[in-house]
Every structure is written in C-alpha cells, then in structure tokens.
Protein backbone atom coordinates (compact mmCIF):
# COMPACT_ATOMS: atom_id res chain seq x y z
CA GLY A 1 38.65 20.64 0.29
CA GLN A 2 37.79 16.86 0.42
CA GLN A 3 34.31 16.27 -2.14
CA PRO A 4 31.64 15.30 0.27
CA ARG A 5 30.56 11.83 0.02
CA CYS A 6 26.54 10.68 -0.55
CA LEU A 7 25.90 8.22 1.83
CA ARG A 8 23.74 5.32 1.70
CA LEU A 9 20.92 4.42 3.99
CA PRO A 10 22.34 2.05 7.26
CA ARG A 11 20.83 -1.31 7.02
CA MET A 12 17.58 -2.59 5.86
CA LYS A 13 17.55 -1.35 2.48
CA LYS A 14 15.33 2.03 2.28
CA GLU A 15 13.14 2.96 -0.71
CA LEU A 16 11.31 5.70 -1.77
CA TRP A 17 7.87 4.92 -2.00
CA GLU A 18 4.07 7.18 -2.91
CA ILE A 19 0.94 6.29 -1.18
CA LEU A 20 -2.45 7.56 -2.08
CA VAL A 21 -4.42 8.85 0.81
CA PRO A 22 -7.81 8.70 0.10
CA THR A 23 -9.08 12.89 1.16
CA THR A 24 -12.89 11.26 1.55
CA LEU A 25 -14.76 9.01 2.80
CA HIS A 26 -18.32 8.26 1.64
CA GLY A 27 -17.93 11.37 0.11
CA THR A 28 -17.62 13.31 2.88
CA SER A 29 -14.26 14.88 2.99
CA ILE A 30 -11.67 13.89 6.35
CA LEU A 31 -10.94 15.88 8.67
CA GLU A 32 -7.67 17.18 8.97
CA ALA A 33 -7.19 16.23 12.51
CA HIS A 34 -7.73 11.97 11.05
CA HIS A 35 -4.61 12.97 8.48
CA HIS A 36 -2.59 14.47 11.11
CA LYS A 37 -2.94 11.16 13.15
CA TRP A 38 -2.20 9.26 10.11
CA ASP A 39 0.96 11.97 9.04
CA GLU A 40 2.41 11.82 13.07
CA TYR A 41 2.42 7.00 12.53
CA VAL A 42 4.20 7.20 9.14
CA ARG A 43 6.49 9.36 11.00
CA SER A 44 7.29 7.21 13.56
CA VAL A 45 7.18 4.25 11.41
CA ALA A 46 9.76 5.63 8.99
CA GLY A 47 11.04 8.62 10.28
CA GLY A 48 9.05 11.70 7.46
CA LEU A 49 7.53 12.34 4.58
CA THR A 50 6.57 14.31 1.97
CA LEU A 51 3.46 15.49 1.47
CA LEU A 52 2.36 16.18 -2.71
CA HIS A 53 -0.86 18.86 -3.85
CA THR A 54 -3.61 16.63 -4.20
CA VAL A 55 -4.98 14.93 -7.43
CA LYS A 56 -7.70 13.10 -9.00
CA GLY A 57 -7.91 9.10 -9.02
CA GLN A 58 -10.53 7.52 -10.71
CA TRP A 59 -11.01 3.04 -10.04
CA ILE A 60 -12.93 0.02 -10.37
CA SER A 61 -13.37 -1.23 -6.37
CA PRO A 62 -13.10 -4.95 -5.07
CA LYS A 63 -17.06 -4.21 -5.56
CA GLN A 64 -16.74 -3.30 -9.59
CA VAL A 65 -17.99 0.22 -8.32
CA ALA A 66 -16.31 2.83 -10.11
CA VAL A 67 -14.19 5.16 -7.74
CA ALA A 68 -13.60 8.72 -8.74
CA GLU A 69 -12.15 11.02 -5.47
CA PRO A 70 -9.25 12.81 -4.81
CA VAL A 71 -6.17 11.72 -3.43
CA ILE A 72 -2.80 12.97 -1.91
CA PRO A 73 0.21 11.19 -2.76
CA VAL A 74 2.81 10.94 -0.28
CA ARG A 75 5.52 10.17 -0.43
CA VAL A 76 7.91 8.36 2.32
CA ILE A 77 11.74 6.50 2.63
CA CYS A 78 11.07 3.18 4.29
CA THR A 79 12.28 -0.48 4.07
CA LYS A 80 9.38 -2.59 2.36
CA ALA A 81 8.75 -3.86 6.06
CA GLU A 82 8.37 -0.62 6.61
CA ILE A 83 5.78 0.45 3.59
CA ARG A 84 3.29 -2.75 4.53
CA ARG A 85 3.07 -1.72 8.17
CA ILE A 86 1.67 2.36 6.41
CA LEU A 87 -0.44 0.05 4.17
CA ARG A 88 -2.06 -2.43 7.02
CA PHE A 89 -2.94 1.29 8.82
CA THR A 90 -3.50 3.12 6.57
CA LYS A 91 -6.28 0.54 5.52
CA ARG A 92 -7.74 1.16 8.44
CA HIS A 93 -7.47 4.21 9.81
CA TYR A 94 -9.20 5.78 7.05
CA LYS A 95 -11.86 2.30 6.10
CA GLN A 96 -10.58 1.86 2.65
CA GLU A 97 -10.82 -1.36 0.82
CA VAL A 98 -7.79 -0.53 -0.71
CA VAL A 99 -4.97 1.12 0.42
CA LEU A 100 -1.50 0.98 -2.60
CA ALA A 101 2.60 1.74 -2.83
CA TYR A 102 4.75 2.00 -5.49
CA ARG A 103 8.39 2.00 -5.16
CA LEU A 104 9.54 4.91 -7.05
CA SER A 105 13.66 4.10 -6.39
CA ASP A 106 15.30 1.89 -5.35
CA GLU A 107 17.63 3.73 -4.17
CA VAL A 108 17.82 6.49 -1.89
CA LEU A 109 21.43 8.89 -0.91
CA PHE A 110 21.83 11.36 1.93
CA LEU A 111 24.06 14.30 1.46
C-alpha cells in the first residue's frame, strides 16, 4: 500500500489563527443569533472555524479603562488578508474598540 500524503493548501499561504470574540457588550450578554451571524461571515471568508470554550479576558483598553470579560477563542485557517477582513468585520459587528488575532501556526496540512 501507498502511504497517505499530507497536502498543503494551494495558492495563497494559509495559516492557523486565533481570534478572541467578546461575549458581552457593555455588561450585556451578546445574543446567540448575533454570534451565529458572525460565524456565518467567517465561514464565508475562510470556509470554517473552530469555537473553543469561553475563557476570562482582562486588558487595559485604549481609553485606559480596565476591562474584564469572558471571550470565546475561535480558530480559523485562512490567509493574512482573510484574517484582516475577519478582524474588520468583528470590530464592526461587535462594536469593539479593538479586536485581535494571533497566528498559532504558519504551516497547515491536510491529510
């Protein structure tokens, strides 16, 4: 038998990114339907996403306000241009001052 091969994603370089999605806006829980619209957008851009369990986030906002809120880490395989589109959409969709994503891996393989 022939060994299965790992396949690299074609064309533009795809990487594994993680983005933190808020669960509240000014202390009010964000409705599930609102999250579903975000999920739909990310799927339309990247083809899929992986939602992780909610974690506690804490940071100092650009207005120098201490912020503590639960966030949802979401993993997405996409290009750098695509994660930037997702970040811009996320910022508008959730009315955030700042959103961030960080690259987890610069190599993505499928088998």
